[in-house]
Amino acid sequence: MTVKHLKFGVLPLVLAATSCARPDIAPPETSFAIPGEWSQSDPAPISVDITEYWLLLDDPLLTELVEAAIANNRDLAQSAARLDQSRAQLAQARAAYLPTLSASGGVSRDLGDFAPDQTAFSLGADASWEMDLFGQISGSVSAAQADYAAAGYSLADLQRLIVGQVAIAAINARSLSQQLEIARSTLAYQEDNLQIARWRNQAGLVSSLDVEQARTQRAQTAATIPALEASLSATANSISTLIGEPPGRVHDAFQTVVDVPVPVQLAGFEAPAEVLRRRPDVRSAEASLMSATARIGVARAQLLPLVRLSGNVGTSSLGIDNLFDVITSGVFASVSQLIFDGGRTAAQVDSAEAAARGALAAWEQSVLAALEDVESAAVDQRSATRRVAINKEALDAANNSAILARSQYQAGLADFRTLLTAENSLLAARNQLVASQADRASAFVRLTQALGGGWSAQDFPLPANDRTQ
């Protein structure tokens, strides 16, 4: 298998961040490499757009629930608030490029028996500006830009995950609804079998053993119905929480039995490097690495001289009419240099470097996890697709066996044990087919999630990479 170095944007971003902070900071080196192609998939590109992959399942209720989750999920609202907070912090960091201006004014009057009968007025303005000679401000802006990008990608990744949770939960609800219908229809057949066994027993054709076996089978099937109803209720309620509404409506919507959605087949995937660029969790870790690296430059800049310009203008008078007759002003430039702080700043540099190493490890871990997701989901999809085909054949055979066993028992050509075995096999085959169909649809959701579906970069604008805004 061919490999190539992982270079889909991290090192250029890190280099940009460090050059804004201090030009002599080298980006972290990594020998990390990723496969040039997937081991579990054909190299052909995906032929469908997976950005809104839930539409490909062709289930209107599922689509409605996913869109409701995107609009109303409370975890997404919290993440959106954190994005707004990062945007405000970026604006705060950029404001350091500009001078600080403040104005003051005052009115005073002496009181007492011998105080002059005069009122004093004063006006003044102060300004200060810090020169970004060694990149402390620009490094802070670069870090804030990266934090903002990381927050945006984190929001996108959370949407990707929540969309998948809603889709898989809706698929499971469809499966449970079908299994409930299967259990109820099977129970009706077993009621008939029990009645037939009683008639044959009364006629002296069979012993009471057939009746008791029929009662046992019917009771066992009936016992599965409350469990399935409880599972369906819990699944529907979890969907209600994900879409930001109280339980009730979603549960009622799944009372109508509809087949489990059939996904489209994904023939192949784009190259791993391209898939990783679509993964918002990897992009978020990449932005966090850039932020941590930029903060190394910010910490080191504290060891270098700080140049600040300040000025003031003011006037004062004993009368408002001649307030501006005499105006005084001054300009002052200062240079400060850290000489000794007991190692505090050096420790901050060490801390920033350690944080950058941790961010690098986190980024590498996100890449490995993304590759694992795709490879595992690809295998799951193929396995589930094969299981559906096998279970269809098993259901056809079990259905034929049950028909034959039922007719032979009614004609007295087979004992009740044969009928029980055939009926139980049919029930199991029907449930296994529905379960495998749900597994196939869920595998499709996990695969499209792993490939970066479920979000769009157009919905998550990122900050411009400049220092003029």
Protein backbone atom coordinates (compact mmCIF):
# COMPACT_ATOMS: atom_id res chain seq x y z
CA MET A 1 0.00 0.00 0.00
CA THR A 2 1.36 3.40 -0.92
CA VAL A 3 1.60 6.12 1.68
CA LYS A 4 2.19 9.83 1.60
CA HIS A 5 2.85 12.43 4.24
CA LEU A 6 -0.15 14.07 5.82
CA LYS A 7 -0.05 17.65 4.57
CA PHE A 8 -3.61 18.74 4.03
CA GLY A 9 -3.28 22.17 5.56
CA VAL A 10 -1.89 21.79 9.07
CA LEU A 11 1.73 22.78 8.58
CA PRO A 12 0.94 25.80 6.39
CA LEU A 13 -1.57 26.99 8.98
CA VAL A 14 0.87 26.44 11.82
CA LEU A 15 3.59 28.24 9.89
CA ALA A 16 1.25 31.16 9.24
CA ALA A 17 0.39 31.40 12.91
CA THR A 18 3.98 31.27 14.08
CA SER A 19 5.18 33.77 11.49
CA CYS A 20 2.60 36.25 12.73
CA ALA A 21 3.78 35.75 16.27
CA ARG A 22 7.54 35.46 15.76
CA PRO A 23 9.38 34.62 12.56
CA ASP A 24 11.99 32.44 14.30
CA ILE A 25 9.48 29.91 15.68
CA ALA A 26 9.59 26.70 13.68
CA PRO A 27 6.38 24.71 13.20
CA PRO A 28 6.25 21.34 14.96
CA GLU A 29 7.68 18.50 12.94
CA THR A 30 5.79 15.28 12.41
CA SER A 31 6.51 12.09 10.55
CA PHE A 32 2.83 11.17 10.55
CA ALA A 33 1.73 9.51 7.34
CA ILE A 34 -1.65 8.32 6.13
CA PRO A 35 -2.55 5.73 3.49
CA GLY A 36 -2.75 6.94 -0.05
CA GLU A 37 -5.84 4.80 -0.57
CA TRP A 38 -8.41 2.97 1.52
CA SER A 39 -7.86 -0.67 2.37
CA GLN A 40 -11.58 -1.46 2.61
CA SER A 41 -13.01 0.38 -0.39
CA ASP A 42 -12.62 0.80 -4.11
CA PRO A 43 -10.73 3.97 -5.11
CA ALA A 44 -13.63 5.25 -7.23
CA PRO A 45 -15.05 8.57 -6.02
CA ILE A 46 -18.48 8.80 -4.41
CA SER A 47 -21.09 9.41 -7.08
CA VAL A 48 -23.62 11.17 -4.80
CA ASP A 49 -23.53 14.25 -2.61
CA ILE A 50 -23.50 13.17 1.06
CA THR A 51 -23.74 16.66 2.60
CA GLU A 52 -27.43 16.05 3.39
CA TYR A 53 -27.24 12.28 3.27
CA TRP A 54 -30.47 11.81 5.21
CA LEU A 55 -32.38 12.86 2.09
CA LEU A 56 -30.96 9.78 0.35
CA LEU A 57 -32.86 7.54 2.78
CA ASP A 58 -36.16 8.82 1.30
CA ASP A 59 -38.00 8.85 4.64
CA PRO A 60 -40.02 12.08 5.09
CA LEU A 61 -40.39 11.64 8.86
CA LEU A 62 -36.66 11.03 9.30
CA THR A 63 -35.89 14.12 7.21
CA GLU A 64 -38.30 16.19 9.29
CA LEU A 65 -36.70 15.04 12.54
CA VAL A 66 -33.16 15.73 11.33
CA GLU A 67 -34.04 19.23 10.20
CA ALA A 68 -35.81 19.88 13.52
CA ALA A 69 -32.69 18.79 15.39
CA ILE A 70 -30.49 21.14 13.37
CA ALA A 71 -32.83 24.02 14.16
CA ASN A 72 -33.72 23.29 17.79
CA ASN A 73 -31.18 21.01 19.45
CA ARG A 74 -30.08 22.56 22.75
CA ASP A 75 -26.52 21.23 22.58
CA LEU A 76 -26.14 22.93 19.19
CA ALA A 77 -27.49 26.15 20.71
CA GLN A 78 -24.83 25.99 23.43
CA SER A 79 -22.10 25.38 20.87
CA ALA A 80 -23.39 28.28 18.74
CA ALA A 81 -23.16 30.53 21.81
CA ARG A 82 -19.54 29.44 22.30
CA LEU A 83 -18.90 30.34 18.66
CA ASP A 84 -20.32 33.81 19.27
CA GLN A 85 -18.09 34.11 22.32
CA SER A 86 -15.04 33.21 20.23
CA ARG A 87 -16.05 35.80 17.65
CA ALA A 88 -16.21 38.46 20.36
CA GLN A 89 -12.82 37.40 21.70
CA LEU A 90 -11.37 37.71 18.20
CA ALA A 91 -12.75 41.25 17.93
CA GLN A 92 -11.23 42.01 21.31
CA ALA A 93 -7.83 40.72 20.19
CA ARG A 94 -7.93 42.75 16.97
CA ALA A 95 -8.79 45.89 18.93
CA ALA A 96 -5.28 45.81 20.41
CA TYR A 97 -3.91 47.01 17.06
CA LEU A 98 -5.68 50.37 17.57
CA PRO A 99 -4.89 53.13 20.09
CA THR A 100 -6.89 53.52 23.27
CA LEU A 101 -8.60 56.87 23.72
CA SER A 102 -10.28 58.20 26.84
CA ALA A 103 -11.77 61.56 27.76
CA SER A 104 -12.41 63.23 31.09
CA GLY A 105 -14.12 66.34 32.32
CA GLY A 106 -14.74 67.98 35.66
CA VAL A 107 -16.41 70.82 37.49
CA SER A 108 -15.27 71.98 40.95
CA ARG A 109 -16.20 74.74 43.34
CA ASP A 110 -14.75 75.59 46.75
CA LEU A 111 -17.15 75.86 49.66
CA GLY A 112 -16.79 77.84 52.87
CA ASP A 113 -17.02 81.35 54.30
CA PHE A 114 -13.82 82.52 52.64
CA ALA A 115 -14.07 80.45 49.42
CA PRO A 116 -14.01 82.43 46.16
CA ASP A 117 -17.28 82.64 44.32
CA GLN A 118 -15.89 80.86 41.23
CA THR A 119 -16.39 77.55 39.46
CA ALA A 120 -13.48 75.70 37.84
CA PHE A 121 -13.94 73.67 34.65
CA SER A 122 -11.55 71.13 33.11
CA LEU A 123 -11.47 68.91 30.00
CA GLY A 124 -8.88 66.36 29.00
CA ALA A 125 -8.17 63.44 26.70
CA ASP A 126 -5.60 60.65 26.93
CA ALA A 127 -4.34 58.29 24.26
CA SER A 128 -2.03 55.28 24.33
CA TRP A 129 -0.84 52.88 21.69
CA GLU A 130 1.29 49.77 21.95
CA MET A 131 3.56 49.06 19.00
CA ASP A 132 3.50 45.45 17.83
CA LEU A 133 7.24 45.25 17.15
CA PHE A 134 7.76 41.65 18.19
CA GLY A 135 4.42 40.05 17.43
CA GLN A 136 2.71 39.87 20.79
CA ILE A 137 -0.50 41.44 19.46
CA SER A 138 -0.43 39.73 16.07
CA GLY A 139 0.24 36.41 17.77
CA SER A 140 -2.75 36.92 20.03
CA VAL A 141 -4.89 37.75 16.99
CA SER A 142 -3.67 34.63 15.19
CA ALA A 143 -4.49 32.52 18.23
CA ALA A 144 -7.94 34.12 18.51
CA GLN A 145 -8.58 33.49 14.80
CA ALA A 146 -7.65 29.85 15.25
CA ASP A 147 -9.84 29.58 18.35
CA TYR A 148 -12.74 31.02 16.39
CA ALA A 149 -12.14 28.53 13.59
CA ALA A 150 -11.91 25.69 16.10
CA ALA A 151 -15.21 26.76 17.67
CA GLY A 152 -16.85 26.87 14.23
CA TYR A 153 -15.59 23.41 13.31
CA SER A 154 -16.62 22.09 16.74
CA LEU A 155 -20.14 23.36 16.09
CA ALA A 156 -20.10 21.70 12.66
CA ASP A 157 -18.85 18.44 14.15
CA LEU A 158 -21.53 18.51 16.83
CA GLN A 159 -24.16 18.95 14.11
CA ARG A 160 -22.61 16.04 12.20
CA LEU A 161 -22.88 13.82 15.27
CA ILE A 162 -26.38 14.91 16.30
CA VAL A 163 -27.73 14.44 12.77
CA GLY A 164 -26.35 10.91 12.86
CA GLN A 165 -27.88 10.24 16.28
CA VAL A 166 -31.30 11.38 15.11
CA ALA A 167 -31.08 9.39 11.86
CA ILE A 168 -29.99 6.18 13.59
CA ALA A 169 -32.60 6.59 16.32
CA ALA A 170 -35.31 7.09 13.67
CA ILE A 171 -34.12 3.97 11.85
CA ASN A 172 -34.25 2.00 15.11
CA ALA A 173 -37.74 3.33 15.76
CA ARG A 174 -38.83 2.15 12.31
CA SER A 175 -37.35 -1.27 13.08
CA LEU A 176 -39.07 -1.51 16.47
CA SER A 177 -42.37 -0.46 14.95
CA GLN A 178 -42.08 -3.22 12.36
CA GLN A 179 -41.08 -5.80 14.95
CA LEU A 180 -44.13 -4.82 17.00
CA GLU A 181 -46.31 -5.41 13.96
CA ILE A 182 -44.63 -8.79 13.39
CA ALA A 183 -45.19 -9.81 17.02
CA ARG A 184 -48.85 -8.83 16.92
CA SER A 185 -49.55 -10.60 13.63
CA THR A 186 -47.65 -13.70 14.85
CA LEU A 187 -49.70 -13.65 18.02
CA ALA A 188 -52.88 -13.85 15.92
CA TYR A 189 -51.54 -16.97 14.14
CA GLN A 190 -50.61 -18.53 17.45
CA GLU A 191 -54.12 -17.87 18.78
CA ASP A 192 -55.42 -19.91 15.85
CA ASN A 193 -52.91 -22.68 16.55
CA LEU A 194 -53.99 -22.80 20.17
CA GLN A 195 -57.64 -23.05 19.18
CA ILE A 196 -56.87 -25.84 16.70
CA ALA A 197 -54.91 -27.74 19.35
CA ARG A 198 -57.85 -27.48 21.77
CA TRP A 199 -60.31 -28.76 19.14
CA ARG A 200 -58.07 -31.70 18.29
CA ASN A 201 -57.58 -32.46 21.98
CA GLN A 202 -61.35 -32.40 22.60
CA ALA A 203 -61.80 -34.73 19.65
CA GLY A 204 -59.28 -37.12 21.19
CA LEU A 205 -56.88 -36.77 18.28
CA VAL A 206 -53.96 -35.34 20.32
CA SER A 207 -53.00 -35.14 23.97
CA SER A 208 -53.19 -32.07 26.14
CA LEU A 209 -49.42 -31.66 25.58
CA ASP A 210 -50.16 -29.94 22.27
CA VAL A 211 -52.47 -27.49 24.02
CA GLU A 212 -49.88 -26.61 26.68
CA GLN A 213 -47.14 -26.18 24.09
CA ALA A 214 -49.40 -23.85 22.10
CA ARG A 215 -50.16 -21.85 25.24
CA THR A 216 -46.44 -21.56 26.01
CA GLN A 217 -45.60 -20.33 22.51
CA ARG A 218 -48.42 -17.79 22.56
CA ALA A 219 -47.41 -16.44 25.99
CA GLN A 220 -43.77 -16.11 24.98
CA THR A 221 -44.71 -14.09 21.91
CA ALA A 222 -47.14 -11.93 23.88
CA ALA A 223 -44.40 -11.17 26.43
CA THR A 224 -42.22 -9.59 23.72
CA ILE A 225 -44.85 -6.96 22.88
CA PRO A 226 -44.57 -4.86 26.08
CA ALA A 227 -40.78 -4.96 25.81
CA LEU A 228 -40.89 -3.75 22.21
CA GLU A 229 -43.40 -1.04 23.14
CA ALA A 230 -41.11 0.18 25.94
CA SER A 231 -38.10 0.23 23.60
CA LEU A 232 -40.05 2.16 20.97
CA SER A 233 -41.19 4.68 23.57
CA ALA A 234 -37.65 5.19 24.90
CA THR A 235 -36.26 5.62 21.38
CA ALA A 236 -38.97 8.09 20.40
CA ASN A 237 -38.45 10.06 23.61
CA SER A 238 -34.71 10.29 22.98
CA ILE A 239 -35.46 11.71 19.53
CA SER A 240 -37.80 14.27 21.12
CA THR A 241 -34.96 15.45 23.35
CA LEU A 242 -32.59 15.67 20.40
CA ILE A 243 -35.01 17.82 18.42
CA GLY A 244 -35.77 20.04 21.41
CA GLU A 245 -39.37 19.19 22.23
CA PRO A 246 -41.23 17.29 24.98
CA PRO A 247 -42.07 13.59 24.45
CA GLY A 248 -45.31 12.65 22.75
CA ARG A 249 -45.52 13.79 19.14
CA VAL A 250 -42.58 11.71 17.92
CA HIS A 251 -43.88 8.59 19.64
CA ASP A 252 -47.27 9.01 17.98
CA ALA A 253 -45.62 9.51 14.59
CA PHE A 254 -43.91 6.11 14.77
CA GLN A 255 -47.16 4.26 15.50
CA THR A 256 -47.70 4.11 11.74
CA VAL A 257 -45.73 1.13 10.46
CA VAL A 258 -43.39 2.05 7.59
CA ASP A 259 -40.57 -0.04 6.15
CA VAL A 260 -37.03 0.64 7.28
CA PRO A 261 -35.47 3.05 4.74
CA VAL A 262 -33.26 1.52 2.07
CA PRO A 263 -30.03 3.49 1.57
CA VAL A 264 -28.27 4.08 -1.72
CA GLN A 265 -25.09 2.15 -2.33
CA LEU A 266 -21.82 4.09 -2.05
CA ALA A 267 -19.49 2.66 -4.66
CA GLY A 268 -16.24 4.25 -3.51
CA PHE A 269 -14.69 7.03 -1.47
CA GLU A 270 -12.39 9.93 -2.13
CA ALA A 271 -8.75 9.67 -1.09
CA PRO A 272 -8.13 9.69 2.68
CA ALA A 273 -6.55 13.15 2.64
CA GLU A 274 -9.64 14.62 0.94
CA VAL A 275 -11.98 12.88 3.36
CA LEU A 276 -9.98 14.21 6.31
CA ARG A 277 -10.38 17.75 5.00
CA ARG A 278 -14.16 17.26 5.14
CA ARG A 279 -14.08 16.01 8.71
CA PRO A 280 -14.90 18.97 11.00
CA ASP A 281 -13.42 17.22 14.05
CA VAL A 282 -10.06 16.94 12.30
CA ARG A 283 -10.30 20.57 11.14
CA SER A 284 -11.13 21.67 14.69
CA ALA A 285 -8.10 19.84 16.07
CA GLU A 286 -6.02 21.41 13.29
CA ALA A 287 -7.20 24.90 14.26
CA SER A 288 -6.52 24.19 17.95
CA LEU A 289 -2.98 23.16 17.01
CA MET A 290 -2.54 26.43 15.15
CA SER A 291 -3.83 28.39 18.14
CA ALA A 292 -1.55 26.59 20.58
CA THR A 293 1.47 27.16 18.34
CA ALA A 294 0.68 30.87 17.98
CA ARG A 295 0.57 31.23 21.75
CA ILE A 296 4.19 30.07 21.93
CA GLY A 297 5.12 33.25 20.04
CA VAL A 298 2.93 35.35 22.31
CA ALA A 299 4.63 33.95 25.38
CA ARG A 300 8.13 34.46 23.94
CA ALA A 301 7.33 38.03 22.90
CA GLN A 302 7.01 38.92 26.59
CA LEU A 303 10.77 38.45 26.88
CA LEU A 304 11.39 41.23 24.33
CA PRO A 305 11.14 45.03 24.70
CA LEU A 306 7.70 46.64 24.82
CA VAL A 307 7.27 50.05 23.15
CA ARG A 308 4.29 52.21 24.07
CA LEU A 309 3.31 55.69 22.93
CA SER A 310 1.01 57.83 25.05
CA GLY A 311 -0.22 61.40 24.95
CA ASN A 312 -2.66 63.75 26.59
CA VAL A 313 -4.34 67.07 25.93
CA GLY A 314 -6.24 69.12 28.42
CA THR A 315 -7.47 72.53 29.49
CA SER A 316 -8.84 74.11 32.64
CA SER A 317 -10.37 77.47 33.45
CA LEU A 318 -12.27 79.30 36.16
CA GLY A 319 -14.98 80.12 33.66
CA ILE A 320 -16.75 78.31 30.89
CA ASP A 321 -16.26 81.20 28.45
CA ASN A 322 -12.47 81.02 28.39
CA LEU A 323 -12.17 77.27 28.81
CA PHE A 324 -10.27 76.78 25.56
CA ASP A 325 -8.00 79.78 25.83
CA VAL A 326 -5.11 77.73 27.21
CA ILE A 327 -4.64 74.13 26.04
CA THR A 328 -1.80 71.94 27.22
CA SER A 329 -0.68 68.64 25.69
CA GLY A 330 2.13 66.13 25.88
CA VAL A 331 3.48 63.06 24.10
CA PHE A 332 5.47 60.33 25.79
CA ALA A 333 7.24 57.25 24.43
CA SER A 334 8.33 54.46 26.72
CA VAL A 335 10.34 51.28 26.30
CA SER A 336 10.20 48.54 28.89
CA GLN A 337 12.24 45.36 29.08
CA LEU A 338 11.72 42.44 31.40
CA ILE A 339 14.85 41.81 33.45
CA PHE A 340 13.78 39.46 36.20
CA ASP A 341 10.47 37.92 37.18
CA GLY A 342 11.60 34.80 38.99
CA GLY A 343 11.10 32.60 35.90
CA ARG A 344 7.40 33.37 35.49
CA THR A 345 7.60 34.27 31.79
CA ALA A 346 9.96 31.40 31.00
CA ALA A 347 7.46 29.07 32.65
CA GLN A 348 4.70 30.53 30.49
CA VAL A 349 6.79 29.74 27.40
CA ASP A 350 7.32 26.17 28.61
CA SER A 351 3.59 25.87 29.30
CA ALA A 352 2.71 27.12 25.80
CA GLU A 353 5.14 24.68 24.21
CA ALA A 354 3.68 21.80 26.23
CA ALA A 355 0.17 22.85 25.18
CA ALA A 356 1.28 22.83 21.54
CA ARG A 357 2.68 19.31 21.91
CA GLY A 358 -0.60 18.21 23.41
CA ALA A 359 -2.54 19.87 20.58
CA LEU A 360 -0.34 18.07 18.04
CA ALA A 361 -1.08 14.73 19.70
CA ALA A 362 -4.80 15.56 19.78
CA TRP A 363 -4.73 16.39 16.07
CA GLU A 364 -2.95 13.14 15.24
CA GLN A 365 -5.46 11.23 17.35
CA SER A 366 -8.37 12.87 15.50
CA VAL A 367 -6.83 11.79 12.19
CA LEU A 368 -6.40 8.21 13.34
CA ALA A 369 -9.96 8.13 14.69
CA ALA A 370 -11.32 9.47 11.39
CA LEU A 371 -9.48 6.82 9.39
CA GLU A 372 -10.76 4.15 11.77
CA ASP A 373 -14.33 5.42 11.40
CA VAL A 374 -14.26 5.18 7.61
CA GLU A 375 -12.63 1.77 7.42
CA SER A 376 -14.91 0.22 10.07
CA ALA A 377 -18.07 1.79 8.66
CA ALA A 378 -17.21 0.56 5.15
CA VAL A 379 -16.93 -3.01 6.44
CA ASP A 380 -20.19 -2.64 8.40
CA GLN A 381 -22.04 -1.44 5.31
CA ARG A 382 -20.91 -4.36 3.17
CA SER A 383 -21.58 -6.85 5.95
CA ALA A 384 -25.08 -5.49 6.59
CA THR A 385 -25.90 -5.54 2.87
CA ARG A 386 -24.90 -9.21 2.64
CA ARG A 387 -26.91 -10.06 5.76
CA VAL A 388 -30.04 -8.51 4.26
CA ALA A 389 -29.73 -10.72 1.17
CA ILE A 390 -29.15 -13.85 3.27
CA ASN A 391 -32.03 -13.07 5.62
CA LYS A 392 -34.40 -12.55 2.70
CA GLU A 393 -33.61 -16.06 1.52
CA ALA A 394 -34.02 -17.41 5.06
CA LEU A 395 -37.39 -15.68 5.43
CA ASP A 396 -38.63 -17.15 2.16
CA ALA A 397 -37.65 -20.65 3.28
CA ALA A 398 -39.09 -20.17 6.78
CA ASN A 399 -42.37 -18.88 5.38
CA ASN A 400 -42.73 -21.90 3.09
CA SER A 401 -41.87 -24.25 5.96
CA ALA A 402 -44.49 -22.64 8.22
CA ILE A 403 -47.21 -22.95 5.54
CA LEU A 404 -46.41 -26.61 5.01
CA ALA A 405 -46.21 -27.38 8.71
CA ARG A 406 -49.51 -25.63 9.43
CA SER A 407 -51.39 -27.48 6.67
CA GLN A 408 -49.85 -30.85 7.64
CA TYR A 409 -50.73 -30.36 11.31
CA GLN A 410 -54.32 -29.48 10.47
CA ALA A 411 -54.50 -32.65 8.33
CA GLY A 412 -52.97 -34.73 11.11
CA LEU A 413 -49.83 -35.50 9.07
CA ALA A 414 -47.38 -33.74 11.43
CA ASP A 415 -47.12 -33.38 15.19
CA PHE A 416 -47.39 -30.11 17.02
CA ARG A 417 -43.64 -29.95 17.72
CA THR A 418 -43.00 -29.66 13.99
CA LEU A 419 -45.47 -26.77 13.74
CA LEU A 420 -43.92 -25.01 16.75
CA THR A 421 -40.46 -25.27 15.27
CA ALA A 422 -41.62 -23.89 11.91
CA GLU A 423 -43.55 -21.02 13.51
CA ASN A 424 -40.63 -20.05 15.74
CA SER A 425 -38.26 -20.13 12.78
CA LEU A 426 -40.60 -17.88 10.80
CA LEU A 427 -40.85 -15.35 13.63
CA ALA A 428 -37.07 -15.30 14.05
CA ALA A 429 -36.51 -14.92 10.29
CA ARG A 430 -38.92 -11.98 10.04
CA ASN A 431 -37.26 -10.21 12.98
CA GLN A 432 -33.76 -10.92 11.67
CA LEU A 433 -34.60 -9.46 8.28
CA VAL A 434 -35.95 -6.25 9.82
CA ALA A 435 -32.94 -6.02 12.13
CA SER A 436 -30.50 -6.51 9.24
CA GLN A 437 -32.32 -3.85 7.20
CA ALA A 438 -31.99 -1.45 10.14
CA ASP A 439 -28.31 -2.37 10.46
CA ARG A 440 -27.81 -1.62 6.76
CA ALA A 441 -29.45 1.80 7.02
CA SER A 442 -27.55 2.60 10.24
CA ALA A 443 -24.28 1.52 8.62
CA PHE A 444 -25.00 3.91 5.77
CA VAL A 445 -25.50 6.74 8.27
CA ARG A 446 -22.27 5.91 10.11
CA LEU A 447 -20.35 5.67 6.85
CA THR A 448 -21.58 9.00 5.49
CA GLN A 449 -20.85 10.52 8.91
CA ALA A 450 -17.32 9.12 8.80
CA LEU A 451 -16.84 10.54 5.30
CA GLY A 452 -17.71 14.03 6.57
CA GLY A 453 -21.39 14.23 5.67
CA GLY A 454 -23.94 16.05 7.76
CA TRP A 455 -22.63 19.61 7.57
CA SER A 456 -21.72 22.26 5.02
CA ALA A 457 -18.85 24.73 5.20
CA GLN A 458 -21.18 27.41 3.80
CA ASP A 459 -23.21 27.24 7.03
CA PHE A 460 -20.18 27.83 9.27
CA PRO A 461 -18.32 30.98 8.13
CA LEU A 462 -14.77 31.35 9.44
CA PRO A 463 -12.76 34.50 10.17
CA ALA A 464 -10.72 36.18 7.46
CA ASN A 465 -7.02 35.50 7.88
CA ASP A 466 -5.95 39.12 8.11
CA ARG A 467 -5.23 41.72 10.77
CA THR A 468 -7.00 44.71 9.31
CA GLN A 469 -10.58 43.97 10.31
